[in-house]
N, C-alpha and C. Protein backbone atom coordinates (compact mmCIF):
# COMPACT_ATOMS: atom_id res chain seq x y z
N MET A 1 207.87 256.95 85.41
CA MET A 1 206.90 256.31 86.47
C MET A 1 206.81 257.45 87.21
N LYS A 2 207.58 258.26 87.63
CA LYS A 2 207.29 259.59 88.13
C LYS A 2 206.36 260.49 87.78
N TYR A 3 205.90 260.41 86.34
CA TYR A 3 204.88 261.15 86.12
C TYR A 3 203.79 260.02 85.60
N ILE A 4 203.37 259.04 85.71
CA ILE A 4 202.43 257.96 86.24
C ILE A 4 201.85 258.20 87.64
N LEU A 5 202.84 258.28 88.66
CA LEU A 5 202.69 258.58 89.84
C LEU A 5 202.43 260.03 89.96
N GLY A 6 203.06 260.76 89.61
CA GLY A 6 202.33 262.14 89.85
C GLY A 6 201.00 262.28 88.93
N LEU A 7 200.75 261.60 87.98
CA LEU A 7 199.12 262.17 87.31
C LEU A 7 198.23 260.99 88.38
N PHE A 8 198.34 259.95 88.83
CA PHE A 8 197.39 259.63 89.88
C PHE A 8 197.27 260.43 90.90
N ALA A 9 198.39 260.76 91.27
CA ALA A 9 198.07 261.56 92.38
C ALA A 9 197.31 262.91 92.24
N PHE A 10 197.49 263.37 91.27
CA PHE A 10 196.50 264.27 90.67
C PHE A 10 195.22 263.98 90.59
N ILE A 11 194.88 262.91 90.26
CA ILE A 11 193.48 262.28 89.60
C ILE A 11 192.97 262.24 91.14
N LEU A 12 193.58 261.54 92.51
CA LEU A 12 193.14 261.14 93.32
C LEU A 12 192.78 262.60 94.02
N LEU A 13 193.39 263.71 94.46
CA LEU A 13 193.35 264.65 94.63
C LEU A 13 192.11 265.24 94.07
N PHE A 14 191.87 265.53 92.86
CA PHE A 14 190.84 265.98 92.16
C PHE A 14 189.86 265.05 92.57
N SER A 15 189.70 263.80 92.34
CA SER A 15 188.09 263.27 92.84
C SER A 15 187.73 263.49 94.16
N CYS A 16 188.65 263.50 95.18
CA CYS A 16 188.39 263.94 96.77
C CYS A 16 187.95 265.19 96.38
N THR A 17 188.46 266.40 96.21
CA THR A 17 188.06 267.59 95.94
C THR A 17 186.41 267.72 95.43
N ALA A 18 186.47 267.42 94.21
CA ALA A 18 184.84 266.99 93.30
C ALA A 18 183.97 266.41 94.65
N GLN A 19 184.24 265.27 95.31
CA GLN A 19 183.17 264.82 95.79
C GLN A 19 182.84 265.85 96.96
N LYS A 20 183.72 266.44 97.89
CA LYS A 20 183.51 267.25 98.81
C LYS A 20 182.41 268.40 98.43
N GLY A 21 182.54 268.81 97.42
CA GLY A 21 182.04 269.79 96.46
C GLY A 21 180.44 269.44 96.16
N ASN A 22 180.27 268.64 96.24
CA ASN A 22 178.94 267.83 95.27
C ASN A 22 177.42 268.19 96.22
N SER A 23 177.74 268.26 97.37
CA SER A 23 176.36 268.68 97.89
C SER A 23 176.10 270.19 98.18
N LYS A 24 175.14 270.97 97.93
CA LYS A 24 175.12 272.25 98.18
C LYS A 24 174.53 272.44 99.62
N TYR A 25 173.72 271.56 100.32
CA TYR A 25 173.66 271.57 101.67
C TYR A 25 174.27 271.32 102.50
N SER A 26 174.95 272.39 103.65
CA SER A 26 175.94 271.67 104.44
C SER A 26 175.06 271.10 105.75
N VAL A 27 173.87 271.67 105.92
CA VAL A 27 173.03 271.31 107.00
C VAL A 27 171.54 270.93 106.81
N ILE A 28 170.92 270.06 107.05
CA ILE A 28 169.53 269.96 106.63
C ILE A 28 168.54 269.40 107.77
N GLU A 29 167.94 270.72 108.45
CA GLU A 29 167.32 270.16 109.98
C GLU A 29 165.85 270.45 109.70
N TYR A 30 164.99 269.63 110.12
CA TYR A 30 163.97 269.42 110.16
C TYR A 30 163.35 269.30 111.90
N GLU A 31 162.15 270.18 112.00
CA GLU A 31 161.64 270.30 113.82
C GLU A 31 160.51 270.15 113.55
N ALA A 32 159.47 269.09 114.13
CA ALA A 32 158.09 269.09 114.06
C ALA A 32 157.69 269.26 115.70
N THR A 33 157.00 270.44 115.90
CA THR A 33 156.39 270.55 117.26
C THR A 33 154.89 270.12 117.71
N PRO A 34 154.68 270.47 118.77
CA PRO A 34 153.63 269.66 119.24
C PRO A 34 152.10 270.08 118.80
N CYS A 35 151.02 269.57 118.91
CA CYS A 35 149.68 269.53 118.63
C CYS A 35 149.09 269.82 119.92
N PHE A 36 147.64 270.15 119.79
CA PHE A 36 147.11 269.54 120.95
C PHE A 36 146.70 268.32 121.09
N GLY A 37 146.98 267.36 119.93
CA GLY A 37 146.78 265.65 120.36
C GLY A 37 147.97 265.13 120.12
N PHE A 38 148.60 264.14 119.65
CA PHE A 38 149.32 263.05 119.35
C PHE A 38 150.53 263.15 118.28
N CYS A 39 150.54 264.54 118.21
CA CYS A 39 151.59 264.73 116.91
C CYS A 39 153.13 264.30 117.15
N PRO A 40 153.96 263.68 116.35
CA PRO A 40 155.37 263.42 116.66
C PRO A 40 156.21 264.66 117.17
N VAL A 41 156.97 264.69 117.91
CA VAL A 41 157.63 265.83 118.44
C VAL A 41 159.01 265.45 118.01
N PHE A 42 159.50 265.92 117.36
CA PHE A 42 160.98 265.57 117.33
C PHE A 42 161.93 266.39 116.43
N LYS A 43 163.07 266.15 116.13
CA LYS A 43 163.91 267.33 115.42
C LYS A 43 165.23 266.14 115.03
N MET A 44 165.27 266.57 113.40
CA MET A 44 166.17 265.79 112.79
C MET A 44 167.19 266.27 112.00
N THR A 45 168.35 266.34 112.50
CA THR A 45 169.57 267.03 111.74
C THR A 45 170.23 265.93 110.78
N VAL A 46 170.35 266.51 109.48
CA VAL A 46 170.99 265.71 108.16
C VAL A 46 171.95 266.44 107.79
N ASN A 47 173.22 265.35 107.82
CA ASN A 47 174.77 266.31 107.12
C ASN A 47 174.99 265.30 105.80
N PRO A 48 176.07 266.46 105.13
CA PRO A 48 176.13 265.91 103.85
C PRO A 48 176.50 264.38 103.58
N ASP A 49 177.58 263.86 104.68
CA ASP A 49 178.00 262.63 104.87
C ASP A 49 176.85 261.43 105.14
N ARG A 50 176.03 261.75 105.40
CA ARG A 50 174.72 261.45 105.60
C ARG A 50 174.41 260.97 107.07
N THR A 51 175.52 261.12 107.83
CA THR A 51 175.08 260.84 109.25
C THR A 51 174.16 261.78 109.84
N ALA A 52 173.37 261.52 110.48
CA ALA A 52 172.14 262.32 111.51
C ALA A 52 171.88 262.04 112.59
N VAL A 53 171.02 262.98 113.63
CA VAL A 53 170.78 262.81 114.87
C VAL A 53 169.27 262.90 114.88
N PHE A 54 169.06 262.09 115.46
CA PHE A 54 167.61 262.33 115.37
C PHE A 54 167.01 262.64 117.18
N GLU A 55 166.43 263.48 117.47
CA GLU A 55 165.95 263.90 119.02
C GLU A 55 164.60 263.79 119.03
N ALA A 56 164.16 262.52 119.89
CA ALA A 56 163.01 262.29 120.08
C ALA A 56 162.32 262.81 121.32
N GLU A 57 161.19 263.36 121.23
CA GLU A 57 160.67 264.02 122.32
C GLU A 57 159.31 263.01 122.69
N HIS A 58 158.27 263.42 122.41
CA HIS A 58 157.27 262.50 122.19
C HIS A 58 156.68 261.83 120.93
N PHE A 59 155.55 260.80 121.06
CA PHE A 59 154.67 260.38 120.31
C PHE A 59 155.57 259.67 118.92
N ASN A 60 156.67 259.41 119.32
CA ASN A 60 157.46 259.02 117.60
C ASN A 60 157.54 257.41 117.69
N PHE A 61 157.41 256.70 118.78
CA PHE A 61 157.39 255.13 118.33
C PHE A 61 156.27 254.58 118.80
N GLY A 62 155.62 254.84 119.40
CA GLY A 62 154.11 254.09 119.95
C GLY A 62 153.06 253.81 118.85
N ASP A 63 152.40 252.91 118.92
CA ASP A 63 151.31 252.70 117.96
C ASP A 63 150.11 253.39 118.44
N GLN A 64 150.05 253.25 119.77
CA GLN A 64 148.71 253.55 120.46
C GLN A 64 149.05 254.63 121.58
N PRO A 65 149.40 256.24 120.94
CA PRO A 65 149.63 257.35 121.87
C PRO A 65 148.74 257.45 122.92
N SER A 66 148.81 258.24 124.20
CA SER A 66 148.13 258.31 124.75
C SER A 66 148.34 259.46 125.91
N LYS A 67 147.44 260.30 126.33
CA LYS A 67 147.88 261.44 127.40
C LYS A 67 148.92 261.36 128.22
N ASP A 68 148.80 259.78 128.77
CA ASP A 68 150.14 259.44 129.99
C ASP A 68 151.50 259.56 129.05
N ASN A 69 151.54 259.44 127.90
CA ASN A 69 152.86 259.64 127.34
C ASN A 69 153.69 261.21 127.72
N LEU A 70 152.66 262.07 127.65
CA LEU A 70 153.37 263.39 127.80
C LEU A 70 153.85 263.53 128.97
N SER A 71 153.63 262.54 130.41
CA SER A 71 154.49 262.39 131.35
C SER A 71 155.62 262.25 131.61
N ASN A 72 155.85 261.46 130.57
CA ASN A 72 156.98 260.39 130.39
C ASN A 72 158.32 261.35 130.01
N PRO A 73 159.54 260.93 130.27
CA PRO A 73 160.66 261.98 129.95
C PRO A 73 160.71 261.78 128.26
N ARG A 74 161.62 263.01 127.54
CA ARG A 74 161.69 262.56 126.19
C ARG A 74 162.26 261.39 125.83
N GLU A 75 161.70 260.93 124.56
CA GLU A 75 162.33 259.74 124.43
C GLU A 75 163.76 259.36 123.77
N GLY A 76 164.56 260.24 123.49
CA GLY A 76 165.93 260.21 123.53
C GLY A 76 166.62 260.77 122.30
N THR A 77 167.84 260.42 122.18
CA THR A 77 168.47 261.15 121.15
C THR A 77 169.00 260.22 120.64
N PHE A 78 169.22 259.99 119.06
CA PHE A 78 169.74 258.79 118.53
C PHE A 78 170.59 259.29 117.12
N LYS A 79 171.34 258.62 117.13
CA LYS A 79 172.40 258.81 115.86
C LYS A 79 172.05 257.73 114.90
N GLY A 80 172.27 258.00 113.35
CA GLY A 80 172.58 257.15 112.56
C GLY A 80 173.09 257.83 111.41
N THR A 81 172.94 256.61 110.11
CA THR A 81 173.36 257.35 108.97
C THR A 81 172.15 256.72 107.82
N ILE A 82 171.85 257.72 107.54
CA ILE A 82 170.67 257.96 106.56
C ILE A 82 171.28 256.88 105.30
N LYS A 83 169.93 255.99 104.96
CA LYS A 83 170.54 254.96 103.62
C LYS A 83 170.55 255.90 102.35
N GLU A 84 171.57 255.47 101.41
CA GLU A 84 172.01 256.42 100.52
C GLU A 84 170.98 256.85 99.63
N ALA A 85 169.98 255.99 99.20
CA ALA A 85 168.81 256.12 98.44
C ALA A 85 167.91 256.99 98.83
N ASP A 86 167.73 256.95 100.45
CA ASP A 86 167.26 257.66 101.32
C ASP A 86 167.40 259.26 101.20
N TYR A 87 168.75 259.57 101.23
CA TYR A 87 169.42 260.57 101.20
C TYR A 87 169.38 261.38 99.82
N ASN A 88 169.65 260.38 98.98
CA ASN A 88 169.24 261.12 97.50
C ASN A 88 167.99 261.34 97.39
N ARG A 89 167.17 260.55 97.91
CA ARG A 89 165.43 261.11 97.49
C ARG A 89 165.29 262.59 98.63
N LEU A 90 166.09 262.77 99.52
CA LEU A 90 165.77 263.51 100.46
C LEU A 90 166.48 265.08 99.49
N ILE A 91 167.74 264.89 98.97
CA ILE A 91 168.37 265.90 98.08
C ILE A 91 167.33 266.58 96.82
N ALA A 92 166.64 265.23 96.07
CA ALA A 92 165.91 265.57 95.33
C ALA A 92 164.46 266.50 95.83
N LEU A 93 163.92 265.97 96.78
CA LEU A 93 162.80 266.71 97.37
C LEU A 93 163.13 268.41 97.93
N LEU A 94 164.39 268.43 98.22
CA LEU A 94 165.12 269.76 98.18
C LEU A 94 165.36 270.87 96.89
N ASP A 95 165.65 270.05 96.21
CA ASP A 95 166.07 270.70 95.08
C ASP A 95 165.13 270.86 94.43
N GLY A 96 163.86 270.18 94.28
CA GLY A 96 162.67 270.24 93.55
C GLY A 96 161.94 271.58 94.32
N LEU A 97 161.82 271.82 95.55
CA LEU A 97 161.69 273.02 96.21
C LEU A 97 161.98 274.16 95.96
N ASN A 98 163.40 274.01 95.53
CA ASN A 98 164.01 275.36 95.19
C ASN A 98 163.98 275.98 96.66
N VAL A 99 164.73 275.57 97.15
CA VAL A 99 164.65 276.16 98.88
C VAL A 99 164.44 277.42 99.06
N LYS A 100 165.52 278.24 98.52
CA LYS A 100 165.94 279.73 98.33
C LYS A 100 164.77 280.42 98.32
N SER A 101 164.08 280.04 97.48
CA SER A 101 162.88 281.07 97.25
C SER A 101 161.41 280.74 97.83
N LEU A 102 161.46 279.58 98.70
CA LEU A 102 160.32 279.54 99.64
C LEU A 102 159.84 280.65 100.62
N LYS A 103 158.70 281.03 100.78
CA LYS A 103 158.78 282.03 101.83
C LYS A 103 159.33 281.52 103.21
N ASP A 104 159.13 282.67 104.17
CA ASP A 104 159.54 282.33 105.61
C ASP A 104 158.68 281.64 106.41
N ASN A 105 157.38 282.16 105.74
CA ASN A 105 156.52 281.53 106.76
C ASN A 105 155.10 281.58 106.17
N TYR A 106 154.32 279.99 106.56
CA TYR A 106 153.19 279.59 105.83
C TYR A 106 152.40 279.25 106.99
N GLY A 107 151.13 279.34 106.66
CA GLY A 107 150.12 279.09 107.37
C GLY A 107 149.21 280.17 108.30
N GLU A 108 148.04 280.03 108.75
CA GLU A 108 147.46 280.89 109.26
C GLU A 108 147.34 280.41 111.13
N LYS A 109 147.62 281.12 111.94
CA LYS A 109 147.92 280.99 112.98
C LYS A 109 146.39 281.18 113.93
N ASN A 110 145.35 281.18 113.11
CA ASN A 110 143.83 281.57 113.71
C ASN A 110 143.18 280.67 114.14
N ILE A 111 144.33 279.22 114.24
CA ILE A 111 143.76 277.79 114.77
C ILE A 111 144.47 277.61 115.53
N SER A 112 144.28 277.35 117.02
CA SER A 112 145.15 277.26 117.90
C SER A 112 146.00 275.68 118.20
N ASP A 113 145.46 274.62 117.47
CA ASP A 113 146.01 273.15 117.80
C ASP A 113 146.85 272.51 116.93
N LEU A 114 147.04 273.45 115.92
CA LEU A 114 147.94 272.63 114.78
C LEU A 114 149.32 272.57 115.18
N PRO A 115 150.26 271.58 114.53
CA PRO A 115 151.64 271.23 114.56
C PRO A 115 152.16 272.51 113.81
N SER A 116 153.51 273.09 114.04
CA SER A 116 154.38 273.30 113.17
C SER A 116 155.51 272.57 112.35
N SER A 117 155.92 273.22 111.46
CA SER A 117 157.48 272.51 111.29
C SER A 117 158.51 273.93 110.96
N HIS A 118 159.48 273.22 110.99
CA HIS A 118 160.47 274.21 110.91
C HIS A 118 161.61 273.44 109.96
N LEU A 119 161.79 274.05 108.91
CA LEU A 119 162.77 273.79 108.00
C LEU A 119 164.04 274.39 108.03
N ARG A 120 165.27 274.14 108.21
CA ARG A 120 166.46 274.87 108.66
C ARG A 120 167.49 274.43 107.41
N ILE A 121 167.82 275.42 106.53
CA ILE A 121 168.65 274.59 105.83
C ILE A 121 170.08 275.74 105.48
N ARG A 122 171.24 275.10 105.94
CA ARG A 122 172.72 275.64 105.63
C ARG A 122 173.09 275.42 104.48
N PHE A 123 173.61 276.25 103.53
CA PHE A 123 174.03 275.97 102.16
C PHE A 123 175.58 276.07 102.23
N ALA A 124 175.82 275.28 101.25
CA ALA A 124 177.74 275.25 100.92
C ALA A 124 178.23 277.04 100.97
N ASP A 125 177.33 277.43 100.37
CA ASP A 125 177.90 278.87 100.04
C ASP A 125 177.91 279.60 101.37
N GLY A 126 177.43 279.32 102.52
CA GLY A 126 177.28 280.04 103.47
C GLY A 126 176.15 280.42 103.83
N THR A 127 175.00 280.67 102.77
CA THR A 127 173.60 281.25 103.24
C THR A 127 172.80 280.02 103.88
N SER A 128 171.82 280.34 104.37
CA SER A 128 170.74 279.77 105.37
C SER A 128 169.47 280.21 104.60
N LYS A 129 168.56 279.53 104.88
CA LYS A 129 166.61 279.56 104.99
C LYS A 129 166.55 278.76 106.37
N HIS A 130 165.55 279.45 106.87
CA HIS A 130 164.60 278.95 107.78
C HIS A 130 163.00 279.21 107.25
N VAL A 131 162.31 278.10 107.24
CA VAL A 131 161.16 278.23 106.69
C VAL A 131 160.04 277.47 107.93
N GLU A 132 159.18 278.45 108.35
CA GLU A 132 158.21 277.85 109.39
C GLU A 132 157.01 277.94 108.85
N ASP A 133 156.32 276.54 109.09
CA ASP A 133 154.78 276.19 108.37
C ASP A 133 153.97 275.88 109.48
N TYR A 134 153.16 276.68 110.01
CA TYR A 134 152.07 276.45 111.16
C TYR A 134 150.95 275.58 110.25
N GLY A 135 150.70 274.42 110.68
CA GLY A 135 149.71 273.59 110.21
C GLY A 135 150.20 272.61 109.26
N LYS A 136 151.44 272.51 108.79
CA LYS A 136 152.41 271.84 107.67
C LYS A 136 151.46 271.49 106.82
N ARG A 137 150.87 272.96 105.98
CA ARG A 137 150.52 272.79 104.92
C ARG A 137 151.06 273.86 103.87
N GLY A 138 152.09 274.30 103.90
CA GLY A 138 152.54 275.45 103.19
C GLY A 138 152.26 275.31 101.60
N SER A 139 152.91 273.99 100.93
CA SER A 139 152.55 273.32 99.91
C SER A 139 152.65 272.10 99.72
N GLU A 140 152.13 271.51 98.37
CA GLU A 140 151.82 269.89 98.17
C GLU A 140 153.79 269.59 98.44
N LYS A 141 154.55 270.29 97.84
CA LYS A 141 155.74 269.64 97.91
C LYS A 141 156.57 269.76 99.21
N LEU A 142 156.04 270.90 100.27
CA LEU A 142 156.25 270.93 101.35
C LEU A 142 155.80 269.71 102.07
N SER A 143 154.52 269.68 101.91
CA SER A 143 154.16 268.45 102.72
C SER A 143 154.63 267.18 102.41
N GLU A 144 154.90 266.66 101.03
CA GLU A 144 156.11 265.74 100.87
C GLU A 144 156.99 265.67 101.48
N LEU A 145 157.77 266.56 101.81
CA LEU A 145 158.96 266.66 102.28
C LEU A 145 158.63 266.31 103.91
N TYR A 146 157.86 266.65 104.44
CA TYR A 146 157.46 266.50 105.99
C TYR A 146 157.11 265.09 106.07
N ARG A 147 156.35 264.50 105.12
CA ARG A 147 156.13 263.41 105.30
C ARG A 147 157.39 262.09 105.15
N PHE A 148 158.36 262.65 104.35
CA PHE A 148 159.38 261.91 104.00
C PHE A 148 160.47 261.89 105.44
N PHE A 149 160.33 262.91 106.14
CA PHE A 149 160.99 263.50 107.02
C PHE A 149 160.61 262.64 108.39
N GLU A 150 159.22 262.21 108.20
CA GLU A 150 158.50 261.65 109.26
C GLU A 150 158.33 260.24 109.16
N ASN A 151 158.51 259.45 108.07
CA ASN A 151 158.96 258.20 107.74
C ASN A 151 160.46 257.86 107.94
N LEU A 152 161.46 258.92 107.91
CA LEU A 152 162.84 258.56 108.03
C LEU A 152 162.69 257.87 109.74
N ARG A 153 162.16 258.35 110.43
CA ARG A 153 162.19 258.15 112.13
C ARG A 153 161.97 256.71 112.20
N LYS A 154 161.16 255.83 111.17
CA LYS A 154 161.06 254.59 111.78
C LYS A 154 161.80 253.65 110.32
N ASN A 155 162.11 254.38 109.18
CA ASN A 155 162.88 253.49 108.31
C ASN A 155 164.28 253.27 108.25
N GLN A 156 165.07 254.20 109.44
CA GLN A 156 166.36 254.10 109.23
C GLN A 156 167.12 253.31 110.71
N GLU A 157 168.13 252.98 110.72
CA GLU A 157 168.43 252.34 111.96
C GLU A 157 169.22 253.69 112.85
N TRP A 158 168.55 253.49 114.18
CA TRP A 158 168.82 254.51 114.94
C TRP A 158 169.82 253.70 115.96
N THR A 159 170.54 254.43 116.62
CA THR A 159 171.06 253.93 117.94
C THR A 159 171.34 255.32 118.83
N LYS A 160 170.61 254.72 119.85
CA LYS A 160 170.24 255.60 120.95
C LYS A 160 171.62 255.96 121.88
N VAL A 161 171.87 257.24 121.99
CA VAL A 161 173.30 257.19 122.60
C VAL A 161 172.50 258.68 123.74
N LYS A 162 171.44 258.84 123.95
CA LYS A 162 171.04 259.77 125.26
C LYS A 162 169.73 259.27 125.54
């Protein structure tokens, strides 16, 4: 009986350890900066347990943005849990990018009214990567990732905390 109990404890301990080591990303952060128009301005941080923080500044919720929105206070800080299927899609998009091999900067700053994006990744191995993309057109795969984050603002359940 104690052998069976010992085996059960070993299996339980091993399965918990394997699940913790599953994600190679310890923090995934995306930030969208303003443009001279009505570009959404926000920052989203996603953790390996799928918990997320969405810091909405301007133009994240309304369908009819206007200049008057700029004088409004920031829209708020929200927390939520990313749906499992969406989190898996996010990981697949990042894996497809081979994040560590990306350039640190994309875009030419000779046009002054484009938004930028900042992708900041902290890896489980302790390394990190920051990709700045002026104009959000670094590559087709990066653009797809940016659209994915912009959709997360509206297709997840967010609870306002501030």
